[in-house]
Amino acid sequence: MLDENEFLGPYGIRSLSRFHERHPYLFHVNGQEYGGLPAGGVEHRHVRRQLQLAGPVWMPVNALILRALLNFYLYYGDNFKIECPTGSGS
């Protein structure tokens, strides 16, 4: 979640991993092919219809994450620490 190559973006947690910029998520429904790309993602030749997300950073996802982190803090107290961004040592 806090890896800049996956979900951590400059404005919050992405609703779709950055991994999908080069590897679109595709699925089929009733003979139609759908795919999700992050905002600004490279168009994939196999994507006929793109899912319209609420943007690269979706507020409800970030609110749920914030609530979960607060619950962890309330349980663990000041001993609860998270490295951010992943691999930074901070």
Protein backbone atom coordinates (compact mmCIF):
# COMPACT_ATOMS: atom_id res chain seq x y z
CA MET A 1 0.00 0.00 0.00
CA LEU A 2 2.82 2.44 0.78
CA ASP A 3 5.06 1.44 -2.15
CA GLU A 4 5.43 4.27 -4.69
CA ASN A 5 5.63 1.67 -7.49
CA GLU A 6 2.26 0.24 -6.51
CA PHE A 7 -0.41 2.24 -4.66
CA LEU A 8 1.28 5.27 -3.05
CA GLY A 9 0.86 8.34 -5.25
CA PRO A 10 1.70 12.01 -4.83
CA TYR A 11 -1.87 12.81 -3.71
CA GLY A 12 -2.76 9.72 -1.68
CA ILE A 13 -3.35 6.01 -2.13
CA ARG A 14 -4.27 5.06 -5.69
CA SER A 15 -7.50 3.16 -6.26
CA LEU A 16 -5.73 0.97 -8.86
CA SER A 17 -2.11 -0.15 -8.64
CA ARG A 18 0.46 1.59 -10.83
CA PHE A 19 1.41 -1.93 -11.99
CA HIS A 20 -1.66 -1.84 -14.23
CA GLU A 21 -0.28 1.09 -16.23
CA ARG A 22 1.78 -1.43 -18.21
CA HIS A 23 -0.32 -4.52 -17.43
CA PRO A 24 -4.02 -3.60 -17.84
CA TYR A 25 -6.57 -5.55 -15.84
CA LEU A 26 -8.95 -7.13 -18.36
CA PHE A 27 -12.16 -9.06 -17.84
CA HIS A 28 -15.03 -10.23 -20.02
CA VAL A 29 -18.77 -9.79 -19.45
CA ASN A 30 -21.39 -10.90 -22.00
CA GLY A 31 -18.83 -11.01 -24.79
CA GLN A 32 -17.52 -7.50 -24.07
CA GLU A 33 -13.95 -6.86 -22.92
CA TYR A 34 -13.42 -4.33 -20.13
CA GLY A 35 -10.26 -3.08 -18.52
CA GLY A 36 -9.11 -0.73 -15.82
CA LEU A 37 -6.16 1.58 -16.25
CA PRO A 38 -4.80 4.14 -13.81
CA ALA A 39 -5.53 7.75 -14.76
CA GLY A 40 -3.06 8.81 -17.39
CA GLY A 41 -2.27 5.16 -18.12
CA VAL A 42 -1.08 4.04 -21.51
CA GLU A 43 -3.96 2.85 -23.68
CA HIS A 44 -3.70 -0.86 -24.30
CA ARG A 45 -4.65 -2.13 -27.75
CA HIS A 46 -6.86 -4.86 -26.28
CA VAL A 47 -8.90 -2.52 -24.10
CA ARG A 48 -12.16 -1.76 -25.88
CA ARG A 49 -13.89 -0.09 -22.96
CA GLN A 50 -12.18 1.45 -19.98
CA LEU A 51 -13.67 1.45 -16.51
CA GLN A 52 -14.34 4.98 -15.38
CA LEU A 53 -12.90 5.24 -11.89
CA ALA A 54 -13.56 8.30 -9.77
CA GLY A 55 -9.97 9.36 -10.45
CA PRO A 56 -6.48 8.11 -9.70
CA VAL A 57 -7.04 8.72 -5.96
CA TRP A 58 -10.49 7.75 -4.76
CA MET A 59 -11.48 9.45 -1.51
CA PRO A 60 -13.57 6.56 -0.04
CA VAL A 61 -10.61 4.16 -0.37
CA ASN A 62 -8.34 6.63 1.41
CA ALA A 63 -10.95 7.22 4.15
CA LEU A 64 -11.23 3.45 4.79
CA ILE A 65 -7.45 3.12 5.01
CA LEU A 66 -7.22 6.07 7.39
CA ARG A 67 -9.90 4.56 9.62
CA ALA A 68 -8.11 1.20 9.67
CA LEU A 69 -4.79 2.86 10.55
CA LEU A 70 -6.48 4.80 13.36
CA ASN A 71 -7.92 1.55 14.75
CA PHE A 72 -4.45 -0.02 14.70
CA TYR A 73 -3.05 3.01 16.52
CA LEU A 74 -5.82 2.92 19.13
CA TYR A 75 -5.02 -0.74 19.82
CA TYR A 76 -1.18 -0.66 19.64
CA GLY A 77 -0.56 2.94 20.74
CA ASP A 78 2.77 4.64 20.04
CA ASN A 79 4.40 1.26 19.31
CA PHE A 80 2.47 1.11 16.02
CA LYS A 81 4.80 2.35 13.29
CA ILE A 82 4.65 2.02 9.51
CA GLU A 83 7.53 2.56 7.10
CA CYS A 84 6.54 5.18 4.54
CA PRO A 85 7.28 4.97 1.68
CA THR A 86 8.09 1.27 1.59
CA GLY A 87 11.84 0.65 1.64
CA SER A 88 12.72 4.19 2.80
CA GLY A 89 13.61 3.32 6.40
CA SER A 90 11.40 6.20 7.62
